Structures are given as C-alpha cells and as structure tokens.
Amino acid sequence: MSVLQPQTRSAVGTIALVAAATAVYYVLPVPGPMRESSWAVMFFLGATVLGALILTAIRRLLRAGENARVRGLILLLTLTVLFFSWSDESVAALPHEFAELTNKTDSLYFNISTLATVGFGDVHPVGQLARAAVTVQIVFNLVFLGAAVSLITGFFRTRARGHVPGTQPHGSGVQGAQHGSEQAGTRQAGTGSSAGSAPG
C-alpha cells in the first residue's frame, strides 16, 4: 500500500496538470487573421522554443526515476499537441489554408488524429502554409514518439524484470558471492584450528 499511494498521487497530479493545460488551451485567445509572413515567424519561433524545451526535458528525464520519466513524457506530449492545435487554429483563420477546421475542438481532433496516424481526411490542410506547419508537426511527432517509446518500453521492461520469480536486484548476486566466500573462509579457519588442537 505504501508503494501504491505515491504512484496514485503521481497519476492524479499528472491528470490534473493535463486537464489544466487543456483548459488554458481553450481559454487562450487565438489571434485574428494576420499576414502569412507574420504567422510563419510566430509559428517557427514557437516551434523552436518547444523543440529546445523538449530536448532539455528529455536530458533531465534520462537521469530521473522511471515514474518521473513517464509523467514528464505525458506532459511534454500534451504540451506538443496543444501548441500545434493552437497554431493550426490560428493559421485556419487565413483564407484557403484549412478545410473543415473552424474551432479549437476541430484543431485538437485533427492533431490527435495526426499524432495517432489515423487521419480520416475530413479536416486537412489545403494551403501551402498550413501544409508546411503540419509537416513540422509530423517531424516533431516522429522524434517525440521515438523518445517516448524508448523510455516507456524501458520502464515496463524494468518493471517486468522486477516481478519475474527468481530474479534478484542488481548487485545482490555480487553481495551473495562475497557472503558465501566469507562463510567458506570461516569454515576453513575453524577446520584448521580444530586440526591444530587435536592430540598427536
């Protein structure tokens, strides 16, 4: 129970952070129609900052515990999806850029579908600017998913090894060997002293 309670609190905290970030996404206003060049500068600056944040976070997560890795990856994934959803809705305000994308729910739906690689084709980019933005998003997804799959797979592999019957924690084999050699040395010393005290 003492192990499950911290994990439960961590899961609840992660869900709360994801819900809070999603609420901010829906409340954050999207700028009205702007020049294509202005939107491109805003988008690529935001993508650069997001990329730097992801790289920094992954470096820290590699040194963190397994539970912290999973929690951090979920939050990074949420941030990535919400950033691109907000960006797609803002570019959809420009004429002839997106088809069937009219609000934030449409944008979130499109980004999750793209992330899951199950796009249905109902919402899709039409203009060159929107297609460039979606291409950047796909590259982000490939890099991010590669890191996520690697770390989460390692997490579950470690958990599985810890539950296999007959396995020992790392280092226990060395300690057992040392303890066994100490016991053997003690027995040999006892035998030698017994032989020395025996009558001639």
N, C-alpha and C. Protein backbone atom coordinates (compact mmCIF):
# COMPACT_ATOMS: atom_id res chain seq x y z
N MET A 1 0.83 -1.21 0.00
CA MET A 1 0.00 0.00 0.00
C MET A 1 0.86 1.25 0.00
N SER A 2 1.99 1.22 0.73
CA SER A 2 2.87 2.37 0.80
C SER A 2 3.51 2.68 -0.54
N VAL A 3 3.61 1.64 -1.43
CA VAL A 3 4.16 1.87 -2.76
C VAL A 3 3.09 2.40 -3.70
N LEU A 4 1.86 1.92 -3.54
CA LEU A 4 0.79 2.31 -4.45
C LEU A 4 0.33 3.73 -4.20
N GLN A 5 0.35 4.19 -2.97
CA GLN A 5 -0.15 5.53 -2.69
C GLN A 5 0.64 6.63 -3.39
N PRO A 6 1.97 6.64 -3.35
CA PRO A 6 2.70 7.66 -4.11
C PRO A 6 2.44 7.58 -5.61
N GLN A 7 2.31 6.37 -6.15
CA GLN A 7 2.02 6.23 -7.57
C GLN A 7 0.64 6.77 -7.91
N THR A 8 -0.31 6.53 -7.02
CA THR A 8 -1.66 7.04 -7.24
C THR A 8 -1.67 8.57 -7.20
N ARG A 9 -0.97 9.13 -6.23
CA ARG A 9 -0.89 10.59 -6.14
C ARG A 9 -0.21 11.18 -7.37
N SER A 10 0.82 10.50 -7.86
CA SER A 10 1.53 10.97 -9.05
C SER A 10 0.60 10.93 -10.27
N ALA A 11 -0.19 9.86 -10.41
CA ALA A 11 -1.10 9.75 -11.54
C ALA A 11 -2.19 10.83 -11.47
N VAL A 12 -2.72 11.06 -10.28
CA VAL A 12 -3.75 12.09 -10.12
C VAL A 12 -3.17 13.47 -10.43
N GLY A 13 -1.95 13.73 -9.96
CA GLY A 13 -1.31 15.00 -10.26
C GLY A 13 -1.07 15.20 -11.74
N THR A 14 -0.67 14.13 -12.43
CA THR A 14 -0.44 14.23 -13.88
C THR A 14 -1.74 14.51 -14.62
N ILE A 15 -2.81 13.82 -14.24
CA ILE A 15 -4.12 14.06 -14.88
C ILE A 15 -4.58 15.49 -14.64
N ALA A 16 -4.35 15.99 -13.44
CA ALA A 16 -4.75 17.37 -13.12
C ALA A 16 -3.98 18.37 -13.97
N LEU A 17 -2.68 18.15 -14.16
CA LEU A 17 -1.88 19.05 -14.98
C LEU A 17 -2.31 19.02 -16.44
N VAL A 18 -2.63 17.82 -16.95
CA VAL A 18 -3.11 17.71 -18.33
C VAL A 18 -4.43 18.44 -18.49
N ALA A 19 -5.33 18.27 -17.52
CA ALA A 19 -6.63 18.96 -17.58
C ALA A 19 -6.45 20.47 -17.51
N ALA A 20 -5.53 20.94 -16.65
CA ALA A 20 -5.30 22.38 -16.53
C ALA A 20 -4.72 22.95 -17.82
N ALA A 21 -3.77 22.23 -18.43
CA ALA A 21 -3.19 22.70 -19.69
C ALA A 21 -4.24 22.75 -20.79
N THR A 22 -5.13 21.77 -20.82
CA THR A 22 -6.20 21.76 -21.83
C THR A 22 -7.17 22.92 -21.60
N ALA A 23 -7.46 23.21 -20.34
CA ALA A 23 -8.34 24.35 -20.04
C ALA A 23 -7.71 25.66 -20.50
N VAL A 24 -6.40 25.81 -20.27
CA VAL A 24 -5.70 27.02 -20.72
C VAL A 24 -5.75 27.11 -22.24
N TYR A 25 -5.63 25.99 -22.92
CA TYR A 25 -5.70 25.98 -24.39
C TYR A 25 -7.04 26.52 -24.88
N TYR A 26 -8.12 26.11 -24.22
CA TYR A 26 -9.44 26.57 -24.65
C TYR A 26 -9.69 28.03 -24.29
N VAL A 27 -9.05 28.51 -23.23
CA VAL A 27 -9.27 29.90 -22.81
C VAL A 27 -8.36 30.85 -23.57
N LEU A 28 -7.17 30.41 -23.92
CA LEU A 28 -6.19 31.29 -24.58
C LEU A 28 -6.72 31.75 -25.92
N PRO A 29 -6.81 33.05 -26.13
CA PRO A 29 -7.36 33.54 -27.41
C PRO A 29 -6.41 33.30 -28.57
N VAL A 30 -6.99 33.10 -29.72
CA VAL A 30 -6.23 32.92 -30.96
C VAL A 30 -6.25 34.25 -31.71
N PRO A 31 -5.09 34.72 -32.18
CA PRO A 31 -5.09 35.99 -32.91
C PRO A 31 -5.92 35.91 -34.18
N GLY A 32 -6.48 37.02 -34.55
CA GLY A 32 -7.28 37.07 -35.76
C GLY A 32 -6.42 36.92 -37.00
N PRO A 33 -7.03 37.07 -38.16
CA PRO A 33 -6.28 36.94 -39.41
C PRO A 33 -5.07 37.88 -39.44
N MET A 34 -3.92 37.36 -39.83
CA MET A 34 -2.71 38.15 -39.92
C MET A 34 -2.01 37.86 -41.23
N ARG A 35 -0.96 38.58 -41.50
CA ARG A 35 -0.20 38.33 -42.72
C ARG A 35 0.49 36.97 -42.61
N GLU A 36 0.64 36.31 -43.74
CA GLU A 36 1.24 34.98 -43.75
C GLU A 36 2.67 35.01 -43.21
N SER A 37 3.42 36.05 -43.56
CA SER A 37 4.80 36.14 -43.08
C SER A 37 4.84 36.30 -41.57
N SER A 38 3.92 37.08 -41.01
CA SER A 38 3.88 37.27 -39.56
C SER A 38 3.53 35.97 -38.86
N TRP A 39 2.57 35.24 -39.41
CA TRP A 39 2.21 33.96 -38.80
C TRP A 39 3.37 32.97 -38.88
N ALA A 40 4.07 32.93 -40.01
CA ALA A 40 5.18 32.00 -40.17
C ALA A 40 6.28 32.28 -39.15
N VAL A 41 6.59 33.56 -38.93
CA VAL A 41 7.61 33.90 -37.93
C VAL A 41 7.16 33.47 -36.55
N MET A 42 5.92 33.75 -36.20
CA MET A 42 5.39 33.36 -34.89
C MET A 42 5.42 31.85 -34.72
N PHE A 43 5.02 31.12 -35.74
CA PHE A 43 4.96 29.66 -35.65
C PHE A 43 6.34 29.04 -35.49
N PHE A 44 7.29 29.45 -36.33
CA PHE A 44 8.60 28.81 -36.28
C PHE A 44 9.38 29.22 -35.04
N LEU A 45 9.15 30.42 -34.51
CA LEU A 45 9.76 30.77 -33.23
C LEU A 45 9.19 29.90 -32.11
N GLY A 46 7.88 29.72 -32.12
CA GLY A 46 7.25 28.87 -31.11
C GLY A 46 7.72 27.42 -31.22
N ALA A 47 7.84 26.91 -32.46
CA ALA A 47 8.31 25.53 -32.64
C ALA A 47 9.76 25.37 -32.18
N THR A 48 10.58 26.40 -32.40
CA THR A 48 11.97 26.34 -31.95
C THR A 48 12.06 26.30 -30.43
N VAL A 49 11.27 27.14 -29.76
CA VAL A 49 11.24 27.14 -28.30
C VAL A 49 10.73 25.80 -27.78
N LEU A 50 9.69 25.26 -28.41
CA LEU A 50 9.16 23.97 -28.00
C LEU A 50 10.20 22.86 -28.17
N GLY A 51 10.92 22.87 -29.29
CA GLY A 51 11.95 21.87 -29.52
C GLY A 51 13.06 21.94 -28.48
N ALA A 52 13.50 23.16 -28.16
CA ALA A 52 14.53 23.31 -27.13
C ALA A 52 14.04 22.83 -25.78
N LEU A 53 12.77 23.11 -25.47
CA LEU A 53 12.19 22.66 -24.20
C LEU A 53 12.15 21.14 -24.14
N ILE A 54 11.76 20.50 -25.23
CA ILE A 54 11.68 19.04 -25.26
C ILE A 54 13.06 18.42 -25.09
N LEU A 55 14.07 18.96 -25.78
CA LEU A 55 15.42 18.42 -25.66
C LEU A 55 15.95 18.54 -24.23
N THR A 56 15.72 19.71 -23.63
CA THR A 56 16.16 19.92 -22.25
C THR A 56 15.45 18.98 -21.29
N ALA A 57 14.15 18.82 -21.49
CA ALA A 57 13.37 17.96 -20.61
C ALA A 57 13.78 16.50 -20.75
N ILE A 58 14.05 16.05 -21.98
CA ILE A 58 14.44 14.65 -22.18
C ILE A 58 15.78 14.37 -21.53
N ARG A 59 16.73 15.32 -21.61
CA ARG A 59 18.01 15.13 -20.93
C ARG A 59 17.83 14.96 -19.43
N ARG A 60 16.93 15.73 -18.85
CA ARG A 60 16.68 15.59 -17.41
C ARG A 60 15.94 14.31 -17.10
N LEU A 61 15.02 13.92 -17.97
CA LEU A 61 14.25 12.72 -17.72
C LEU A 61 15.12 11.47 -17.78
N LEU A 62 16.18 11.50 -18.58
CA LEU A 62 17.07 10.35 -18.66
C LEU A 62 17.78 10.10 -17.34
N ARG A 63 17.91 11.13 -16.53
CA ARG A 63 18.55 10.97 -15.21
C ARG A 63 17.52 10.82 -14.09
N ALA A 64 16.25 10.86 -14.44
CA ALA A 64 15.19 10.78 -13.43
C ALA A 64 14.76 9.33 -13.22
N GLY A 65 13.90 9.13 -12.24
CA GLY A 65 13.36 7.81 -11.99
C GLY A 65 12.35 7.42 -13.06
N GLU A 66 11.95 6.15 -13.07
CA GLU A 66 11.08 5.65 -14.11
C GLU A 66 9.70 6.33 -14.07
N ASN A 67 9.13 6.49 -12.88
CA ASN A 67 7.82 7.14 -12.78
C ASN A 67 7.88 8.59 -13.25
N ALA A 68 8.96 9.28 -12.91
CA ALA A 68 9.12 10.66 -13.35
C ALA A 68 9.26 10.74 -14.86
N ARG A 69 9.88 9.74 -15.47
CA ARG A 69 10.01 9.73 -16.93
C ARG A 69 8.65 9.65 -17.62
N VAL A 70 7.83 8.73 -17.16
CA VAL A 70 6.51 8.58 -17.76
C VAL A 70 5.67 9.84 -17.57
N ARG A 71 5.69 10.39 -16.36
CA ARG A 71 4.93 11.61 -16.09
C ARG A 71 5.42 12.76 -16.95
N GLY A 72 6.73 12.93 -17.06
CA GLY A 72 7.28 14.01 -17.87
C GLY A 72 6.96 13.86 -19.35
N LEU A 73 7.00 12.63 -19.86
CA LEU A 73 6.69 12.42 -21.26
C LEU A 73 5.22 12.71 -21.57
N ILE A 74 4.34 12.34 -20.64
CA ILE A 74 2.92 12.64 -20.84
C ILE A 74 2.69 14.15 -20.90
N LEU A 75 3.35 14.88 -20.02
CA LEU A 75 3.18 16.34 -20.01
C LEU A 75 3.78 16.97 -21.25
N LEU A 76 4.94 16.47 -21.70
CA LEU A 76 5.54 17.00 -22.92
C LEU A 76 4.66 16.72 -24.14
N LEU A 77 4.09 15.53 -24.18
CA LEU A 77 3.20 15.18 -25.28
C LEU A 77 1.97 16.09 -25.28
N THR A 78 1.42 16.35 -24.10
CA THR A 78 0.27 17.24 -24.00
C THR A 78 0.62 18.64 -24.49
N LEU A 79 1.77 19.15 -24.06
CA LEU A 79 2.20 20.48 -24.47
C LEU A 79 2.40 20.55 -25.98
N THR A 80 2.97 19.51 -26.56
CA THR A 80 3.20 19.49 -28.01
C THR A 80 1.88 19.51 -28.77
N VAL A 81 0.94 18.66 -28.37
CA VAL A 81 -0.35 18.59 -29.05
C VAL A 81 -1.10 19.92 -28.92
N LEU A 82 -1.09 20.51 -27.74
CA LEU A 82 -1.83 21.76 -27.55
C LEU A 82 -1.19 22.91 -28.31
N PHE A 83 0.14 22.95 -28.39
CA PHE A 83 0.80 24.01 -29.15
C PHE A 83 0.42 23.93 -30.62
N PHE A 84 0.50 22.76 -31.20
CA PHE A 84 0.18 22.63 -32.62
C PHE A 84 -1.31 22.80 -32.89
N SER A 85 -2.14 22.42 -31.93
CA SER A 85 -3.58 22.67 -32.09
C SER A 85 -3.87 24.17 -32.13
N TRP A 86 -3.26 24.89 -31.22
CA TRP A 86 -3.44 26.35 -31.20
C TRP A 86 -2.89 26.98 -32.49
N SER A 87 -1.75 26.49 -32.95
CA SER A 87 -1.16 27.03 -34.17
C SER A 87 -2.04 26.75 -35.39
N ASP A 88 -2.59 25.54 -35.45
CA ASP A 88 -3.43 25.18 -36.59
C ASP A 88 -4.71 26.01 -36.63
N GLU A 89 -5.28 26.28 -35.45
CA GLU A 89 -6.49 27.11 -35.47
C GLU A 89 -6.16 28.54 -35.90
N SER A 90 -4.99 29.03 -35.50
CA SER A 90 -4.63 30.39 -35.90
C SER A 90 -4.36 30.48 -37.40
N VAL A 91 -3.73 29.47 -37.99
CA VAL A 91 -3.48 29.52 -39.43
C VAL A 91 -4.78 29.27 -40.21
N ALA A 92 -5.73 28.55 -39.57
CA ALA A 92 -7.01 28.32 -40.24
C ALA A 92 -7.81 29.61 -40.41
N ALA A 93 -7.44 30.66 -39.65
CA ALA A 93 -8.11 31.95 -39.81
C ALA A 93 -7.72 32.62 -41.13
N LEU A 94 -6.59 32.20 -41.70
CA LEU A 94 -6.19 32.73 -43.00
C LEU A 94 -7.01 32.05 -44.09
N PRO A 95 -7.28 32.74 -45.18
CA PRO A 95 -8.13 32.14 -46.22
C PRO A 95 -7.45 30.99 -46.94
N HIS A 96 -8.23 29.94 -47.19
CA HIS A 96 -7.80 28.81 -48.02
C HIS A 96 -6.59 28.08 -47.45
N GLU A 97 -6.53 27.91 -46.13
CA GLU A 97 -5.42 27.18 -45.52
C GLU A 97 -5.87 25.82 -44.98
N PHE A 98 -7.05 25.76 -44.33
CA PHE A 98 -7.54 24.51 -43.76
C PHE A 98 -8.97 24.27 -44.22
N ALA A 99 -9.30 23.00 -44.40
CA ALA A 99 -10.67 22.61 -44.72
C ALA A 99 -11.32 21.99 -43.49
N GLU A 100 -12.51 22.45 -43.15
CA GLU A 100 -13.31 21.88 -42.05
C GLU A 100 -12.69 22.08 -40.68
N LEU A 101 -11.85 23.09 -40.51
CA LEU A 101 -11.31 23.40 -39.20
C LEU A 101 -11.83 24.78 -38.81
N THR A 102 -12.79 24.79 -37.89
CA THR A 102 -13.47 26.04 -37.55
C THR A 102 -13.36 26.44 -36.08
N ASN A 103 -12.90 25.55 -35.21
CA ASN A 103 -12.81 25.89 -33.79
C ASN A 103 -11.69 25.07 -33.14
N LYS A 104 -11.51 25.27 -31.84
CA LYS A 104 -10.41 24.62 -31.13
C LYS A 104 -10.62 23.12 -30.98
N THR A 105 -11.86 22.69 -30.87
CA THR A 105 -12.11 21.25 -30.80
C THR A 105 -11.74 20.57 -32.11
N ASP A 106 -12.07 21.21 -33.24
CA ASP A 106 -11.66 20.67 -34.54
C ASP A 106 -10.14 20.57 -34.63
N SER A 107 -9.44 21.58 -34.15
CA SER A 107 -7.99 21.59 -34.22
C SER A 107 -7.39 20.51 -33.32
N LEU A 108 -7.94 20.36 -32.12
CA LEU A 108 -7.44 19.33 -31.20
C LEU A 108 -7.70 17.94 -31.78
N TYR A 109 -8.86 17.76 -32.36
CA TYR A 109 -9.20 16.49 -33.01
C TYR A 109 -8.23 16.17 -34.15
N PHE A 110 -7.93 17.17 -34.95
CA PHE A 110 -7.02 16.96 -36.08
C PHE A 110 -5.62 16.59 -35.60
N ASN A 111 -5.14 17.25 -34.55
CA ASN A 111 -3.79 17.00 -34.07
C ASN A 111 -3.67 15.63 -33.41
N ILE A 112 -4.67 15.23 -32.65
CA ILE A 112 -4.62 13.90 -32.04
C ILE A 112 -4.71 12.82 -33.11
N SER A 113 -5.53 13.05 -34.14
CA SER A 113 -5.61 12.10 -35.25
C SER A 113 -4.28 12.00 -35.98
N THR A 114 -3.61 13.13 -36.16
CA THR A 114 -2.30 13.12 -36.83
C THR A 114 -1.27 12.41 -35.97
N LEU A 115 -1.29 12.67 -34.67
CA LEU A 115 -0.36 12.01 -33.76
C LEU A 115 -0.54 10.51 -33.76
N ALA A 116 -1.79 10.07 -33.79
CA ALA A 116 -2.10 8.64 -33.79
C ALA A 116 -2.01 8.02 -35.18
N THR A 117 -1.69 8.81 -36.19
CA THR A 117 -1.58 8.36 -37.59
C THR A 117 -2.85 7.66 -38.06
N VAL A 118 -4.00 8.19 -37.66
CA VAL A 118 -5.29 7.64 -38.10
C VAL A 118 -6.13 8.75 -38.71
N GLY A 119 -5.49 9.66 -39.45
CA GLY A 119 -6.23 10.78 -40.05
C GLY A 119 -7.37 10.29 -40.92
N PHE A 120 -8.54 10.90 -40.75
CA PHE A 120 -9.73 10.48 -41.51
C PHE A 120 -9.94 11.32 -42.77
N GLY A 121 -9.22 12.41 -42.90
CA GLY A 121 -9.32 13.21 -44.12
C GLY A 121 -10.40 14.25 -44.10
N ASP A 122 -11.23 14.29 -43.04
CA ASP A 122 -12.29 15.30 -43.00
C ASP A 122 -11.71 16.69 -42.73
N VAL A 123 -10.76 16.76 -41.79
CA VAL A 123 -10.03 18.00 -41.53
C VAL A 123 -8.64 17.84 -42.11
N HIS A 124 -8.23 18.75 -42.99
CA HIS A 124 -6.93 18.60 -43.64
C HIS A 124 -6.44 19.96 -44.13
N PRO A 125 -5.11 20.12 -44.21
CA PRO A 125 -4.55 21.38 -44.72
C PRO A 125 -4.73 21.49 -46.23
N VAL A 126 -4.97 22.71 -46.66
CA VAL A 126 -5.16 22.97 -48.09
C VAL A 126 -4.08 23.90 -48.62
N GLY A 127 -3.79 24.97 -47.87
CA GLY A 127 -2.80 25.93 -48.32
C GLY A 127 -1.38 25.48 -48.03
N GLN A 128 -0.43 26.14 -48.68
CA GLN A 128 0.98 25.78 -48.53
C GLN A 128 1.50 26.07 -47.12
N LEU A 129 1.04 27.15 -46.54
CA LEU A 129 1.49 27.50 -45.19
C LEU A 129 1.02 26.46 -44.18
N ALA A 130 -0.22 26.05 -44.28
CA ALA A 130 -0.75 25.04 -43.37
C ALA A 130 -0.06 23.70 -43.57
N ARG A 131 0.23 23.36 -44.81
CA ARG A 131 0.92 22.10 -45.07
C ARG A 131 2.34 22.12 -44.51
N ALA A 132 3.01 23.25 -44.60
CA ALA A 132 4.35 23.36 -44.02
C ALA A 132 4.28 23.19 -42.50
N ALA A 133 3.28 23.80 -41.89
CA ALA A 133 3.13 23.68 -40.43
C ALA A 133 2.85 22.24 -40.03
N VAL A 134 2.01 21.55 -40.76
CA VAL A 134 1.69 20.15 -40.44
C VAL A 134 2.90 19.26 -40.66
N THR A 135 3.73 19.59 -41.66
CA THR A 135 4.96 18.82 -41.88
C THR A 135 5.90 18.94 -40.68
N VAL A 136 6.04 20.16 -40.16
CA VAL A 136 6.86 20.35 -38.95
C VAL A 136 6.28 19.56 -37.79
N GLN A 137 4.97 19.57 -37.69
CA GLN A 137 4.31 18.82 -36.62
C GLN A 137 4.60 17.32 -36.73
N ILE A 138 4.55 16.77 -37.93
CA ILE A 138 4.80 15.35 -38.13
C ILE A 138 6.23 15.00 -37.73
N VAL A 139 7.20 15.87 -38.07
CA VAL A 139 8.59 15.64 -37.67
C VAL A 139 8.70 15.63 -36.14
N PHE A 140 8.03 16.57 -35.49
CA PHE A 140 8.01 16.60 -34.03
C PHE A 140 7.45 15.29 -33.48
N ASN A 141 6.36 14.83 -34.07
CA ASN A 141 5.74 13.61 -33.59
C ASN A 141 6.67 12.40 -33.72
N LEU A 142 7.37 12.32 -34.85
CA LEU A 142 8.28 11.19 -35.06
C LEU A 142 9.40 11.20 -34.02
N VAL A 143 10.01 12.37 -33.81
CA VAL A 143 11.10 12.46 -32.84
C VAL A 143 10.59 12.20 -31.43
N PHE A 144 9.47 12.81 -31.10
CA PHE A 144 8.93 12.67 -29.75
C PHE A 144 8.48 11.25 -29.49
N LEU A 145 7.78 10.65 -30.45
CA LEU A 145 7.31 9.29 -30.24
C LEU A 145 8.47 8.32 -30.13
N GLY A 146 9.55 8.56 -30.88
CA GLY A 146 10.71 7.70 -30.75
C GLY A 146 11.28 7.73 -29.35
N ALA A 147 11.41 8.93 -28.78
CA ALA A 147 11.91 9.05 -27.41
C ALA A 147 10.92 8.46 -26.42
N ALA A 148 9.63 8.70 -26.64
CA ALA A 148 8.61 8.20 -25.70
C ALA A 148 8.57 6.68 -25.69
N VAL A 149 8.58 6.08 -26.88
CA VAL A 149 8.52 4.62 -26.95
C VAL A 149 9.75 4.01 -26.30
N SER A 150 10.92 4.59 -26.53
CA SER A 150 12.15 4.06 -25.96
C SER A 150 12.12 4.11 -24.43
N LEU A 151 11.74 5.25 -23.87
CA LEU A 151 11.75 5.41 -22.41
C LEU A 151 10.66 4.59 -21.74
N ILE A 152 9.46 4.60 -22.32
CA ILE A 152 8.36 3.86 -21.69
C ILE A 152 8.59 2.36 -21.81
N THR A 153 9.14 1.90 -22.95
CA THR A 153 9.47 0.48 -23.08
C THR A 153 10.50 0.08 -22.03
N GLY A 154 11.51 0.92 -21.82
CA GLY A 154 12.49 0.63 -20.79
C GLY A 154 11.87 0.58 -19.41
N PHE A 155 10.89 1.44 -19.17
CA PHE A 155 10.20 1.45 -17.87
C PHE A 155 9.48 0.13 -17.62
N PHE A 156 8.69 -0.32 -18.60
CA PHE A 156 7.94 -1.55 -18.41
C PHE A 156 8.86 -2.77 -18.41
N ARG A 157 9.98 -2.71 -19.15
CA ARG A 157 10.93 -3.82 -19.12
C ARG A 157 11.55 -3.95 -17.73
N THR A 158 11.87 -2.80 -17.13
CA THR A 158 12.43 -2.82 -15.78
C THR A 158 11.41 -3.34 -14.77
N ARG A 159 10.15 -2.91 -14.91
CA ARG A 159 9.11 -3.39 -14.01
C ARG A 159 8.91 -4.89 -14.16
N ALA A 160 8.96 -5.39 -15.42
CA ALA A 160 8.76 -6.82 -15.66
C ALA A 160 9.89 -7.64 -15.05
N ARG A 161 11.13 -7.16 -15.17
CA ARG A 161 12.25 -7.88 -14.57
C ARG A 161 12.12 -7.93 -13.05
N GLY A 162 11.58 -6.86 -12.47
CA GLY A 162 11.43 -6.83 -11.02
C GLY A 162 10.37 -7.78 -10.50
N HIS A 163 9.45 -8.25 -11.39
CA HIS A 163 8.38 -9.14 -10.96
C HIS A 163 8.59 -10.58 -11.41
N VAL A 164 9.70 -10.87 -12.08
CA VAL A 164 9.96 -12.25 -12.51
C VAL A 164 10.43 -13.06 -11.32
N PRO A 165 9.80 -14.22 -11.03
CA PRO A 165 10.23 -15.02 -9.88
C PRO A 165 11.66 -15.51 -10.07
N GLY A 166 12.43 -15.49 -8.98
CA GLY A 166 13.79 -15.98 -9.01
C GLY A 166 14.82 -14.94 -9.39
N THR A 167 14.38 -13.74 -9.82
CA THR A 167 15.34 -12.70 -10.17
C THR A 167 15.77 -11.98 -8.91
N GLN A 168 16.96 -11.39 -8.96
CA GLN A 168 17.50 -10.68 -7.82
C GLN A 168 17.79 -9.25 -8.24
N PRO A 169 17.67 -8.31 -7.34
CA PRO A 169 18.03 -6.93 -7.65
C PRO A 169 19.48 -6.83 -8.06
N HIS A 170 19.77 -5.76 -8.79
CA HIS A 170 21.12 -5.55 -9.27
C HIS A 170 22.10 -5.44 -8.10
N GLY A 171 23.17 -6.23 -8.16
CA GLY A 171 24.17 -6.19 -7.11
C GLY A 171 24.00 -7.26 -6.07
N SER A 172 22.79 -7.91 -6.00
CA SER A 172 22.58 -8.91 -4.97
C SER A 172 23.41 -10.15 -5.23
N GLY A 173 23.68 -10.47 -6.52
CA GLY A 173 24.49 -11.63 -6.83
C GLY A 173 25.92 -11.46 -6.35
N VAL A 174 26.47 -10.26 -6.51
CA VAL A 174 27.83 -9.98 -6.06
C VAL A 174 27.92 -10.06 -4.54
N GLN A 175 26.91 -9.46 -3.89
CA GLN A 175 26.91 -9.50 -2.43
C GLN A 175 26.77 -10.92 -1.92
N GLY A 176 25.94 -11.74 -2.58
CA GLY A 176 25.78 -13.12 -2.17
C GLY A 176 27.06 -13.90 -2.33
N ALA A 177 27.79 -13.64 -3.45
CA ALA A 177 29.05 -14.34 -3.66
C ALA A 177 30.06 -13.96 -2.59
N GLN A 178 30.10 -12.66 -2.25
CA GLN A 178 31.03 -12.23 -1.21
C GLN A 178 30.68 -12.87 0.13
N HIS A 179 29.37 -12.92 0.43
CA HIS A 179 28.95 -13.51 1.70
C HIS A 179 29.29 -14.99 1.74
N GLY A 180 29.12 -15.69 0.60
CA GLY A 180 29.45 -17.10 0.54
C GLY A 180 30.92 -17.36 0.72
N SER A 181 31.77 -16.50 0.11
CA SER A 181 33.22 -16.69 0.27
C SER A 181 33.64 -16.43 1.71
N GLU A 182 32.97 -15.47 2.37
CA GLU A 182 33.30 -15.21 3.77
C GLU A 182 32.93 -16.41 4.63
N GLN A 183 31.78 -17.02 4.35
CA GLN A 183 31.38 -18.19 5.11
C GLN A 183 32.35 -19.35 4.89
N ALA A 184 32.80 -19.54 3.62
CA ALA A 184 33.74 -20.62 3.33
C ALA A 184 35.06 -20.41 4.07
N GLY A 185 35.52 -19.14 4.10
CA GLY A 185 36.76 -18.83 4.81
C GLY A 185 36.63 -19.10 6.29
N THR A 186 35.46 -18.80 6.84
CA THR A 186 35.25 -19.06 8.27
C THR A 186 35.28 -20.55 8.57
N ARG A 187 34.64 -21.32 7.67
CA ARG A 187 34.64 -22.78 7.88
C ARG A 187 36.05 -23.35 7.78
N GLN A 188 36.86 -22.85 6.81
CA GLN A 188 38.22 -23.35 6.67
C GLN A 188 39.06 -22.99 7.90
N ALA A 189 38.90 -21.80 8.42
CA ALA A 189 39.64 -21.41 9.62
C ALA A 189 39.26 -22.27 10.81
N GLY A 190 37.97 -22.58 10.92
CA GLY A 190 37.52 -23.43 12.02
C GLY A 190 38.07 -24.84 11.89
N THR A 191 38.17 -25.34 10.69
CA THR A 191 38.72 -26.69 10.49
C THR A 191 40.19 -26.74 10.84
N GLY A 192 40.93 -25.66 10.43
CA GLY A 192 42.36 -25.61 10.73
C GLY A 192 42.61 -25.55 12.23
N SER A 193 41.84 -24.76 12.93
CA SER A 193 42.04 -24.66 14.38
C SER A 193 41.69 -25.95 15.07
N SER A 194 40.68 -26.67 14.58
CA SER A 194 40.31 -27.95 15.19
C SER A 194 41.42 -28.96 14.98
N ALA A 195 42.05 -28.96 13.79
CA ALA A 195 43.11 -29.91 13.49
C ALA A 195 44.33 -29.61 14.36
N GLY A 196 44.61 -28.33 14.61
CA GLY A 196 45.77 -27.95 15.41
C GLY A 196 45.60 -28.33 16.86
N SER A 197 44.39 -28.33 17.38
CA SER A 197 44.17 -28.64 18.79
C SER A 197 43.99 -30.12 19.04
N ALA A 198 43.94 -30.96 18.01
CA ALA A 198 43.75 -32.41 18.20
C ALA A 198 45.01 -33.03 18.79
N PRO A 199 44.89 -34.06 19.68
CA PRO A 199 46.06 -34.70 20.28
C PRO A 199 46.90 -35.43 19.25
N GLY A 200 48.26 -35.48 19.45
CA GLY A 200 49.17 -36.08 18.49
C GLY A 200 49.24 -37.59 18.67
